[in-house]
Amino acid sequence: MRWTLALRESVIEDLRYFGRKIGRLILKEARKQFTAEPLAETGQMKTLRPNPVAQRELRLFGKYRVLFNVDAARCVVDVGKEFVAHHESDSAQ
């Protein structure tokens, strides 16, 4: 299954904070992880507890965190989009 990565413009602004070299490195590694299997549970990628920010987290290089949402029906990984609902195991709903 091929996944599409959708970035909001605010993500690009956030990456600029880290400088050109680190920002590009973060984006390159995140793209690699997301297009492979964004639903995998690994040491780097995990599902978060229900919250209003994001469904999942990707840890990169030991100190950077990329929060993202997955739309499995459309095969889209959304980075920087506002999160409105959690997956079906959300006990708060």
Protein backbone atom coordinates (compact mmCIF):
# COMPACT_ATOMS: atom_id res chain seq x y z
CA MET A 1 0.00 0.00 0.00
CA ARG A 2 1.37 3.41 -0.96
CA TRP A 3 0.96 6.25 1.54
CA THR A 4 0.77 9.95 0.75
CA LEU A 5 2.33 12.53 3.05
CA ALA A 6 0.35 15.76 3.51
CA LEU A 7 2.22 18.66 5.14
CA ARG A 8 0.66 21.88 6.30
CA GLU A 9 2.55 25.08 5.61
CA SER A 10 3.01 25.56 9.36
CA VAL A 11 5.15 22.39 9.38
CA ILE A 12 7.57 23.99 6.94
CA GLU A 13 7.81 27.02 9.21
CA ASP A 14 8.46 24.73 12.18
CA LEU A 15 11.24 22.94 10.30
CA ARG A 16 12.90 26.27 9.45
CA TYR A 17 13.36 26.82 13.18
CA PHE A 18 15.93 23.99 13.23
CA GLY A 19 17.93 25.39 10.32
CA ARG A 20 18.26 24.18 6.76
CA LYS A 21 20.44 21.11 7.41
CA ILE A 22 18.55 19.67 10.41
CA GLY A 23 15.13 20.62 8.99
CA ARG A 24 15.81 18.76 5.76
CA LEU A 25 17.19 15.77 7.65
CA ILE A 26 14.05 15.58 9.82
CA LEU A 27 11.77 15.87 6.78
CA LYS A 28 13.71 13.25 4.81
CA GLU A 29 13.64 10.71 7.64
CA ALA A 30 9.97 11.39 8.45
CA ARG A 31 9.00 10.93 4.80
CA LYS A 32 10.92 7.65 4.72
CA GLN A 33 9.14 6.35 7.85
CA PHE A 34 5.68 7.51 6.80
CA THR A 35 5.75 6.10 3.28
CA ALA A 36 6.92 2.70 4.56
CA GLU A 37 4.27 1.92 7.20
CA PRO A 38 2.84 4.76 9.31
CA LEU A 39 0.64 2.41 11.37
CA ALA A 40 3.53 0.28 12.66
CA GLU A 41 4.20 0.16 16.39
CA THR A 42 7.98 0.43 16.75
CA GLY A 43 10.47 1.99 19.14
CA GLN A 44 10.33 5.14 17.02
CA MET A 45 6.62 5.22 16.16
CA LYS A 46 3.72 4.79 18.54
CA THR A 47 0.06 5.54 19.06
CA LEU A 48 -0.59 8.25 21.62
CA ARG A 49 -3.23 8.25 24.32
CA PRO A 50 -6.40 10.08 23.23
CA ASN A 51 -5.68 13.80 22.99
CA PRO A 52 -6.73 16.80 20.88
CA VAL A 53 -3.35 17.17 19.14
CA ALA A 54 -2.46 13.98 17.26
CA GLN A 55 -3.03 10.24 17.02
CA ARG A 56 0.59 9.17 16.65
CA GLU A 57 4.17 10.19 17.33
CA LEU A 58 7.40 9.56 15.45
CA ARG A 59 10.67 9.99 17.34
CA LEU A 60 13.69 10.97 15.28
CA PHE A 61 17.36 11.09 16.23
CA GLY A 62 16.55 10.77 19.93
CA LYS A 63 15.30 14.32 20.44
CA TYR A 64 12.82 15.33 17.75
CA ARG A 65 9.12 14.42 17.75
CA VAL A 66 6.78 14.51 14.76
CA LEU A 67 3.10 14.36 15.70
CA PHE A 68 0.81 13.10 12.97
CA ASN A 69 -2.56 11.61 12.09
CA VAL A 70 -3.30 8.72 9.77
CA ASP A 71 -6.30 8.43 7.48
CA ALA A 72 -6.11 4.72 6.62
CA ALA A 73 -9.12 4.87 4.30
CA ARG A 74 -7.39 7.40 2.02
CA CYS A 75 -3.81 6.20 2.77
CA VAL A 76 -2.80 9.69 3.88
CA VAL A 77 -0.46 10.74 6.68
CA ASP A 78 -1.33 14.27 7.86
CA VAL A 79 1.41 16.24 9.57
CA GLY A 80 0.36 19.56 11.06
CA LYS A 81 -3.36 19.23 10.46
CA GLU A 82 -5.77 19.89 13.27
CA PHE A 83 -6.89 16.69 14.92
CA VAL A 84 -10.62 16.27 15.52
CA ALA A 85 -11.25 12.61 16.41
CA HIS A 86 -9.30 9.67 17.76
CA HIS A 87 -9.33 6.05 16.65
CA GLU A 88 -12.12 3.70 17.64
CA SER A 89 -10.45 2.51 20.86
CA ASP A 90 -10.94 5.98 22.35
CA SER A 91 -12.63 5.29 25.70
CA ALA A 92 -13.40 8.98 26.33
CA GLN A 93 -16.12 9.09 23.67
